[in-house]
Amino acid sequence: MSFVIVGIAIAAGALQVWLLTRFTNAVMSGKVRVGTVFAGLAQFLLPLGVLVLTATRASRTGVVTMGVAMAATLIVGTVAVFVWRTKRTGKEE
């Protein structure tokens, strides 16, 4: 059961990184559209929805495991995106 919870958390964290990246790219370029606003809202609502679903189906430790794995994926993913973009823009300058 815990492997399933961790897998769902990693998928949700990766989706959250993708939504956050999409949202920040659009805002920074000044191209805010309806899809951008949806990505921004979904990025905030995704963890809440996943954690509520986990809370209804799993034990307390499952919810804690889900939260920790999702947060870790979000942190590692955003650092990876930052490093990738820094390397990419560093070569152009």
Protein backbone atom coordinates (compact mmCIF):
# COMPACT_ATOMS: atom_id res chain seq x y z
CA MET A 1 0.00 0.00 0.00
CA SER A 2 2.79 2.45 0.81
CA PHE A 3 4.42 1.91 -2.60
CA VAL A 4 1.16 2.88 -4.26
CA ILE A 5 0.90 5.99 -2.08
CA VAL A 6 4.48 7.01 -2.86
CA GLY A 7 3.90 6.41 -6.58
CA ILE A 8 0.78 8.56 -6.59
CA ALA A 9 2.62 11.25 -4.63
CA ILE A 10 5.52 11.28 -7.09
CA ALA A 11 3.11 11.54 -10.02
CA ALA A 12 1.19 14.35 -8.32
CA GLY A 13 4.41 16.19 -7.43
CA ALA A 14 5.69 15.89 -10.99
CA LEU A 15 2.37 17.18 -12.34
CA GLN A 16 2.55 20.05 -9.89
CA VAL A 17 6.07 20.94 -11.09
CA TRP A 18 4.86 20.90 -14.69
CA LEU A 19 1.85 23.10 -13.89
CA LEU A 20 4.00 25.51 -11.89
CA THR A 21 6.57 25.74 -14.69
CA ARG A 22 3.87 26.33 -17.29
CA PHE A 23 2.25 29.02 -15.14
CA THR A 24 5.47 30.89 -14.36
CA ASN A 25 6.63 30.77 -18.00
CA ALA A 26 3.37 32.31 -19.18
CA VAL A 27 3.35 34.99 -16.49
CA MET A 28 6.99 35.93 -17.09
CA SER A 29 6.45 36.21 -20.85
CA GLY A 30 3.23 38.21 -20.40
CA LYS A 31 1.08 35.66 -22.23
CA VAL A 32 -1.57 34.97 -19.59
CA ARG A 33 -4.56 33.14 -21.04
CA VAL A 34 -7.40 31.06 -19.67
CA GLY A 35 -5.25 27.91 -19.75
CA THR A 36 -2.57 29.71 -17.79
CA VAL A 37 -5.02 30.72 -15.08
CA PHE A 38 -6.31 27.14 -14.98
CA ALA A 39 -2.75 25.83 -14.58
CA GLY A 40 -2.14 28.25 -11.73
CA LEU A 41 -5.33 27.27 -9.92
CA ALA A 42 -4.79 23.57 -10.53
CA GLN A 43 -1.27 23.83 -9.13
CA PHE A 44 -2.71 24.96 -5.80
CA LEU A 45 -5.70 22.62 -5.76
CA LEU A 46 -3.86 19.45 -6.83
CA PRO A 47 -2.11 18.73 -3.51
CA LEU A 48 -5.28 19.42 -1.57
CA GLY A 49 -7.29 17.02 -3.71
CA VAL A 50 -4.68 14.28 -3.61
CA LEU A 51 -4.26 14.55 0.15
CA VAL A 52 -8.04 14.52 0.76
CA LEU A 53 -8.39 11.42 -1.43
CA THR A 54 -5.57 9.76 0.46
CA ALA A 55 -7.08 10.72 3.80
CA THR A 56 -10.35 9.02 2.89
CA ARG A 57 -8.63 5.83 1.71
CA ALA A 58 -5.50 5.41 3.83
CA SER A 59 -4.31 5.68 7.40
CA ARG A 60 -2.64 8.66 9.04
CA THR A 61 0.79 7.41 8.14
CA GLY A 62 -0.34 7.14 4.53
CA VAL A 63 -1.31 10.80 4.49
CA VAL A 64 2.02 11.80 6.04
CA THR A 65 3.89 9.63 3.54
CA MET A 66 1.90 11.17 0.70
CA GLY A 67 2.66 14.71 1.87
CA VAL A 68 6.36 14.09 2.35
CA ALA A 69 6.78 12.32 -0.99
CA MET A 70 4.81 14.99 -2.85
CA ALA A 71 6.79 17.82 -1.25
CA ALA A 72 10.10 16.07 -1.93
CA THR A 73 9.16 15.55 -5.58
CA LEU A 74 8.15 19.19 -5.90
CA ILE A 75 11.45 20.39 -4.39
CA VAL A 76 13.65 18.06 -6.43
CA GLY A 77 11.70 18.83 -9.61
CA THR A 78 11.91 22.59 -9.27
CA VAL A 79 15.62 22.45 -8.45
CA ALA A 80 16.18 20.26 -11.52
CA VAL A 81 14.26 22.69 -13.73
CA PHE A 82 16.24 25.60 -12.28
CA VAL A 83 19.60 23.90 -12.87
CA TRP A 84 18.61 22.86 -16.39
CA ARG A 85 17.54 26.39 -17.30
CA THR A 86 20.58 27.96 -15.70
CA LYS A 87 22.90 25.69 -17.68
CA ARG A 88 20.95 26.36 -20.87
CA THR A 89 20.99 30.15 -20.51
CA GLY A 90 24.59 30.14 -19.28
CA LYS A 91 25.82 28.76 -22.61
CA GLU A 92 24.07 31.51 -24.57
CA GLU A 93 25.73 34.37 -22.70
